[in-house]
N, C-alpha and C. Protein backbone atom coordinates (compact mmCIF):
# COMPACT_ATOMS: atom_id res chain seq x y z
N MET A 1 1.06 -1.10 0.18
CA MET A 1 0.28 0.03 0.11
C MET A 1 0.66 1.19 0.06
N GLN A 2 0.86 2.34 -0.90
CA GLN A 2 1.40 3.50 -0.73
C GLN A 2 1.07 4.52 0.13
N ALA A 3 2.44 4.72 0.64
CA ALA A 3 2.04 5.75 1.68
C ALA A 3 1.10 6.87 1.55
N ARG A 4 1.07 7.30 0.74
CA ARG A 4 -0.47 8.09 0.12
C ARG A 4 -1.84 7.70 0.56
N TRP A 5 -2.00 6.12 0.14
CA TRP A 5 -3.22 5.63 1.01
C TRP A 5 -2.80 5.63 2.55
N ILE A 6 -1.81 5.01 2.73
CA ILE A 6 -1.64 5.10 4.55
C ILE A 6 -1.73 5.94 4.83
N GLY A 7 -1.22 7.44 4.37
CA GLY A 7 -1.80 8.64 5.34
C GLY A 7 -3.01 9.04 5.25
N LEU A 8 -3.74 9.01 4.12
CA LEU A 8 -4.91 9.11 3.48
C LEU A 8 -6.23 8.13 5.28
N THR A 9 -5.34 7.11 5.43
CA THR A 9 -6.50 6.14 6.00
C THR A 9 -6.25 6.71 6.96
N LEU A 10 -5.11 7.03 7.85
CA LEU A 10 -5.05 7.57 8.81
C LEU A 10 -5.44 8.69 9.24
N VAL A 11 -5.44 9.59 8.42
CA VAL A 11 -6.45 11.11 8.64
C VAL A 11 -7.67 10.56 8.95
N CYS A 12 -8.47 9.57 8.29
CA CYS A 12 -9.62 8.98 8.63
C CYS A 12 -10.12 8.60 9.45
N VAL A 13 -9.14 7.98 10.30
CA VAL A 13 -9.30 7.44 11.84
C VAL A 13 -8.77 8.62 12.89
N ALA A 14 -8.43 9.47 12.45
CA ALA A 14 -8.44 11.02 13.14
C ALA A 14 -9.88 11.42 13.34
N LEU A 15 -9.64 11.35 11.83
CA LEU A 15 -11.23 12.17 12.03
C LEU A 15 -12.23 11.27 12.57
N LEU A 16 -12.14 10.14 12.36
CA LEU A 16 -13.37 8.88 13.42
C LEU A 16 -13.06 9.07 14.83
N ALA A 17 -11.69 9.67 15.41
CA ALA A 17 -11.90 9.60 16.78
C ALA A 17 -12.31 10.68 17.24
N ALA A 18 -11.90 11.62 16.54
CA ALA A 18 -12.69 13.14 16.70
C ALA A 18 -13.97 13.26 16.88
N GLY A 19 -14.52 12.64 15.42
CA GLY A 19 -15.74 12.54 15.64
C GLY A 19 -16.44 11.96 16.37
N GLN A 20 -15.97 10.60 17.17
CA GLN A 20 -16.70 10.01 18.58
C GLN A 20 -16.18 10.42 19.75
N LEU A 21 -15.51 11.44 19.76
CA LEU A 21 -15.34 12.22 20.84
C LEU A 21 -16.32 13.54 21.33
N LEU A 22 -16.58 14.00 19.79
CA LEU A 22 -18.01 14.86 19.68
C LEU A 22 -19.25 14.20 20.16
N PHE A 23 -19.53 13.13 19.70
CA PHE A 23 -20.67 12.72 19.70
C PHE A 23 -20.92 12.34 21.56
N LYS A 24 -19.96 11.70 22.33
CA LYS A 24 -19.73 11.37 23.38
C LYS A 24 -20.10 12.55 23.95
N VAL A 25 -19.50 14.31 23.26
CA VAL A 25 -19.64 15.05 24.00
C VAL A 25 -20.98 15.57 24.04
N ALA A 26 -21.63 15.12 22.94
CA ALA A 26 -23.04 15.97 22.35
C ALA A 26 -23.87 14.89 23.46
N ALA A 27 -23.84 13.34 23.36
CA ALA A 27 -24.47 12.58 24.04
C ALA A 27 -24.66 13.00 25.53
N ALA A 28 -23.50 13.61 26.15
CA ALA A 28 -23.67 14.37 27.55
C ALA A 28 -24.38 15.51 27.83
N GLY A 29 -25.02 16.09 26.84
CA GLY A 29 -25.65 16.76 26.93
C GLY A 29 -27.42 17.04 26.37
N TRP A 30 -27.55 15.53 25.60
CA TRP A 30 -28.99 15.46 25.62
C TRP A 30 -29.47 15.11 26.85
N ARG A 31 -30.70 15.97 26.38
CA ARG A 31 -31.71 15.96 27.47
C ARG A 31 -32.87 15.30 26.78
N ILE A 32 -33.48 14.24 27.00
CA ILE A 32 -34.68 13.37 26.58
C ILE A 32 -36.00 13.49 27.77
N ASP A 33 -36.42 14.59 27.27
CA ASP A 33 -37.79 14.90 27.70
C ASP A 33 -39.40 14.72 26.77
N GLY A 34 -39.08 13.64 26.40
CA GLY A 34 -40.16 12.86 25.39
C GLY A 34 -39.93 13.32 23.97
N TRP A 35 -41.24 13.68 23.04
CA TRP A 35 -40.81 14.11 21.74
C TRP A 35 -41.06 15.62 21.90
N THR A 36 -40.07 16.23 22.32
CA THR A 36 -40.57 17.96 22.97
C THR A 36 -39.04 18.68 22.07
N PHE A 37 -39.87 19.98 21.33
CA PHE A 37 -38.94 20.66 20.82
C PHE A 37 -37.37 20.84 21.73
N ALA A 38 -37.52 20.96 22.72
CA ALA A 38 -36.36 20.94 23.86
C ALA A 38 -35.54 19.41 23.75
N SER A 39 -35.87 18.25 23.49
CA SER A 39 -35.23 17.30 23.19
C SER A 39 -34.55 17.52 22.25
N VAL A 40 -35.17 17.69 21.18
CA VAL A 40 -34.71 17.71 19.71
C VAL A 40 -33.00 18.78 19.99
N ARG A 41 -33.75 20.10 20.32
CA ARG A 41 -32.75 20.78 20.29
C ARG A 41 -31.55 20.84 20.95
N SER A 42 -32.07 20.15 22.27
CA SER A 42 -30.24 19.27 23.25
C SER A 42 -29.55 18.46 22.01
N PHE A 43 -30.69 17.35 20.97
CA PHE A 43 -29.44 16.32 20.84
C PHE A 43 -29.02 17.13 19.26
N LEU A 44 -29.45 18.18 18.95
CA LEU A 44 -28.59 19.02 17.47
C LEU A 44 -27.98 19.93 17.91
N SER A 45 -27.16 19.79 19.43
CA SER A 45 -26.14 20.42 19.74
C SER A 45 -25.28 20.84 18.41
N GLY A 46 -24.57 21.89 19.26
CA GLY A 46 -23.13 22.20 18.41
C GLY A 46 -22.34 21.22 18.04
N ALA A 47 -22.15 20.48 19.38
CA ALA A 47 -21.19 19.59 19.30
C ALA A 47 -21.67 17.90 18.27
N MET A 48 -22.71 17.78 18.40
CA MET A 48 -23.44 16.65 17.55
C MET A 48 -23.41 17.12 15.87
N ILE A 49 -23.77 18.57 15.15
CA ILE A 49 -23.50 18.83 14.16
C ILE A 49 -22.46 19.07 13.74
N VAL A 50 -21.18 19.65 14.54
CA VAL A 50 -19.69 18.94 14.07
C VAL A 50 -19.20 17.96 14.00
N ALA A 51 -19.96 16.39 14.95
CA ALA A 51 -19.52 15.44 14.31
C ALA A 51 -19.94 15.02 13.57
N LEU A 52 -21.39 15.36 13.16
CA LEU A 52 -21.87 14.38 11.71
C LEU A 52 -20.79 15.09 10.51
N PHE A 53 -20.95 16.22 10.57
CA PHE A 53 -20.02 16.67 9.66
C PHE A 53 -18.56 16.23 9.61
N ILE A 54 -17.73 16.10 10.65
CA ILE A 54 -16.64 15.49 10.24
C ILE A 54 -16.77 13.92 10.30
N TYR A 55 -17.84 13.21 10.54
CA TYR A 55 -18.05 12.02 10.12
C TYR A 55 -17.97 12.38 8.41
N GLY A 56 -19.12 13.02 8.03
CA GLY A 56 -18.84 13.28 6.19
C GLY A 56 -17.74 13.55 6.25
N ILE A 57 -17.06 13.96 6.29
CA ILE A 57 -15.95 14.18 5.42
C ILE A 57 -15.06 13.08 5.44
N ALA A 58 -15.01 12.06 7.11
CA ALA A 58 -14.40 10.97 6.64
C ALA A 58 -14.76 10.09 5.59
N THR A 59 -16.31 9.73 5.67
CA THR A 59 -16.79 8.82 4.93
C THR A 59 -16.38 9.13 3.28
N ILE A 60 -16.30 10.21 3.11
CA ILE A 60 -16.03 10.82 1.42
C ILE A 60 -14.47 10.75 1.55
N LEU A 61 -13.41 10.62 2.79
CA LEU A 61 -12.26 10.49 2.38
C LEU A 61 -11.93 8.99 2.03
N TRP A 62 -12.61 7.92 2.99
CA TRP A 62 -12.50 6.84 3.18
C TRP A 62 -13.06 5.98 1.91
N VAL A 63 -13.71 6.61 1.12
CA VAL A 63 -14.26 6.47 -0.15
C VAL A 63 -13.51 6.23 -1.26
N TYR A 64 -12.84 7.26 -1.04
CA TYR A 64 -11.62 8.06 -2.18
C TYR A 64 -10.57 7.02 -1.68
N VAL A 65 -10.23 6.87 -0.84
CA VAL A 65 -9.23 6.04 -0.16
C VAL A 65 -9.31 4.27 -1.03
N LEU A 66 -10.74 4.05 -0.90
CA LEU A 66 -10.99 2.82 -1.45
C LEU A 66 -11.12 2.45 -2.75
N ARG A 67 -10.92 3.77 -3.56
CA ARG A 67 -10.84 3.88 -5.01
C ARG A 67 -10.01 2.69 -5.78
N SER A 68 -8.44 3.26 -4.43
CA SER A 68 -7.15 2.60 -5.00
C SER A 68 -6.57 1.68 -4.22
N ALA A 69 -6.55 2.18 -2.62
CA ALA A 69 -5.93 1.19 -1.77
C ALA A 69 -7.20 -0.21 -1.78
N PRO A 70 -6.56 -1.47 -1.80
CA PRO A 70 -7.43 -2.80 -1.44
C PRO A 70 -8.29 -2.54 -0.14
N LEU A 71 -9.35 -2.70 -0.04
CA LEU A 71 -9.89 -2.66 1.68
C LEU A 71 -9.15 -3.85 2.40
N SER A 72 -8.49 -5.17 1.68
CA SER A 72 -7.83 -5.62 2.58
C SER A 72 -6.64 -5.13 3.42
N LEU A 73 -5.77 -4.54 3.30
CA LEU A 73 -5.05 -3.77 3.53
C LEU A 73 -5.52 -2.07 4.15
N ALA A 74 -6.31 -1.47 3.44
CA ALA A 74 -6.74 -0.47 4.39
C ALA A 74 -7.68 -0.39 5.52
N TYR A 75 -8.49 -1.71 5.42
CA TYR A 75 -9.49 -1.71 6.45
C TYR A 75 -8.71 -2.17 7.95
N PRO A 76 -7.43 -2.96 7.83
CA PRO A 76 -6.63 -3.02 9.18
C PRO A 76 -6.12 -1.83 9.85
N LEU A 77 -5.76 -1.18 8.75
CA LEU A 77 -5.52 0.56 9.34
C LEU A 77 -6.86 1.12 10.13
N PHE A 78 -7.73 1.19 9.22
CA PHE A 78 -8.88 1.76 9.98
C PHE A 78 -9.21 1.46 11.26
N SER A 79 -8.52 -0.11 11.43
CA SER A 79 -9.24 -0.63 12.76
C SER A 79 -8.19 0.41 13.71
N LEU A 80 -7.34 1.02 13.44
CA LEU A 80 -6.56 1.58 14.67
C LEU A 80 -7.50 2.77 15.31
N ALA A 81 -8.60 2.99 14.83
CA ALA A 81 -9.45 3.72 15.54
C ALA A 81 -9.92 3.36 16.88
N PHE A 82 -10.15 1.96 16.97
CA PHE A 82 -9.95 1.18 18.48
C PHE A 82 -9.09 1.46 19.35
N ILE A 83 -7.63 1.97 19.21
CA ILE A 83 -6.90 2.32 19.91
C ILE A 83 -6.86 3.66 20.21
N VAL A 84 -6.69 4.45 19.00
CA VAL A 84 -6.38 5.96 19.05
C VAL A 84 -8.18 6.62 19.79
N THR A 85 -9.12 6.14 19.80
CA THR A 85 -10.04 6.79 20.16
C THR A 85 -10.45 6.76 21.97
N PRO A 86 -9.77 5.49 22.30
CA PRO A 86 -9.83 5.22 23.94
C PRO A 86 -8.70 6.47 24.89
N VAL A 87 -7.82 6.49 23.95
CA VAL A 87 -6.30 7.23 24.33
C VAL A 87 -6.99 8.56 23.79
N ALA A 88 -7.83 9.12 23.15
CA ALA A 88 -7.68 10.42 23.56
C ALA A 88 -9.12 10.66 24.05
N ALA A 89 -9.81 9.81 24.36
CA ALA A 89 -10.90 10.08 25.29
C ALA A 89 -10.37 10.31 26.65
N TYR A 90 -9.29 9.35 26.89
CA TYR A 90 -8.56 9.46 28.56
C TYR A 90 -8.02 10.98 28.30
N PHE A 91 -7.23 11.90 27.28
CA PHE A 91 -6.67 12.83 27.15
C PHE A 91 -7.25 13.71 27.89
N ILE A 92 -8.11 13.71 26.83
CA ILE A 92 -9.06 15.29 26.35
C ILE A 92 -10.53 15.15 27.50
N LEU A 93 -11.06 13.72 27.24
CA LEU A 93 -12.37 13.86 28.14
C LEU A 93 -11.98 13.24 29.62
N GLY A 94 -11.00 13.11 30.22
CA GLY A 94 -10.61 12.31 31.62
C GLY A 94 -11.42 10.91 31.68
N GLU A 95 -11.40 10.06 30.49
CA GLU A 95 -11.79 8.97 30.76
C GLU A 95 -11.10 7.64 31.10
N PRO A 96 -11.18 6.68 31.65
CA PRO A 96 -10.46 5.76 31.83
C PRO A 96 -9.53 5.48 31.41
N LEU A 97 -8.13 4.87 31.26
CA LEU A 97 -7.73 3.60 30.73
C LEU A 97 -7.05 2.11 31.65
N SER A 98 -7.75 0.88 31.30
CA SER A 98 -7.72 0.24 31.53
C SER A 98 -6.53 -1.14 31.07
N TRP A 99 -5.95 -1.61 31.91
CA TRP A 99 -4.94 -2.84 31.20
C TRP A 99 -5.82 -3.46 29.68
N ARG A 100 -6.75 -3.57 29.68
CA ARG A 100 -7.47 -4.27 29.27
C ARG A 100 -7.35 -3.72 27.31
N ILE A 101 -7.82 -2.46 27.48
CA ILE A 101 -7.34 -1.43 26.51
C ILE A 101 -6.20 -1.39 25.98
N PHE A 102 -5.17 -1.56 26.68
CA PHE A 102 -3.70 -1.55 26.61
C PHE A 102 -3.62 -2.97 25.61
N VAL A 103 -4.14 -3.83 26.45
CA VAL A 103 -3.61 -5.05 25.54
C VAL A 103 -4.46 -5.42 24.40
N GLY A 104 -5.33 -4.91 24.39
CA GLY A 104 -6.42 -5.23 23.22
C GLY A 104 -5.81 -4.12 22.11
N GLY A 105 -5.22 -3.37 22.23
CA GLY A 105 -4.86 -2.09 21.28
C GLY A 105 -3.65 -2.91 20.47
N ALA A 106 -2.57 -3.61 21.78
CA ALA A 106 -1.39 -4.19 21.34
C ALA A 106 -1.81 -5.51 20.36
N VAL A 107 -2.84 -6.33 20.68
CA VAL A 107 -3.28 -6.98 19.68
C VAL A 107 -3.73 -6.60 18.11
N ILE A 108 -4.44 -5.49 18.21
CA ILE A 108 -5.17 -5.03 16.97
C ILE A 108 -3.68 -4.77 16.70
N LEU A 109 -2.91 -3.46 16.70
CA LEU A 109 -1.72 -2.80 16.81
C LEU A 109 -0.88 -4.43 15.63
N VAL A 110 -0.83 -5.49 16.51
CA VAL A 110 -0.20 -6.56 16.20
C VAL A 110 -0.85 -7.16 14.39
N GLY A 111 -1.91 -7.13 14.43
CA GLY A 111 -2.62 -7.33 13.60
C GLY A 111 -2.53 -6.88 12.38
N VAL A 112 -2.36 -5.19 12.83
CA VAL A 112 -2.38 -4.45 11.48
C VAL A 112 -0.93 -4.29 10.84
N LEU A 113 0.38 -4.72 12.04
CA LEU A 113 1.45 -4.81 11.71
C LEU A 113 1.55 -6.12 10.70
N ILE A 114 1.10 -7.02 10.88
CA ILE A 114 0.87 -8.48 9.97
C ILE A 114 0.71 -8.21 8.76
N THR A 115 -0.82 -7.46 8.65
CA THR A 115 -1.69 -7.14 7.85
C THR A 115 -0.89 -6.24 6.55
N VAL A 116 -0.15 -6.00 7.00
CA VAL A 116 -0.09 -4.43 5.87
C VAL A 116 1.54 -4.76 5.26
N SER A 117 2.34 -5.38 6.38
CA SER A 117 3.71 -5.89 6.33
C SER A 117 3.48 -6.76 5.02
């Protein structure tokens, strides 16, 4: 896989992680009060709108990557989002990290290295 496609896939991973963090922020601010305008308004917060926009950009970029990169190589790199997102949540949102996340991340990383090398 060419360095260009690796780089673009890693940008997708970063966008997914950013979108997930924003979804988490949006979820924390969502106040459900039945089917009221206030519930809809709190759901469509700024964080939610930005997260959806980021996910839209990530999807377009991902489809662009798939035009030339084989899915069998691109998708394992895409799985790095399962490592990046919890680590980013730790630093940005203060969420806990456990040894399971590190072990799982190591397994994913080994799998990615085996697949793309």
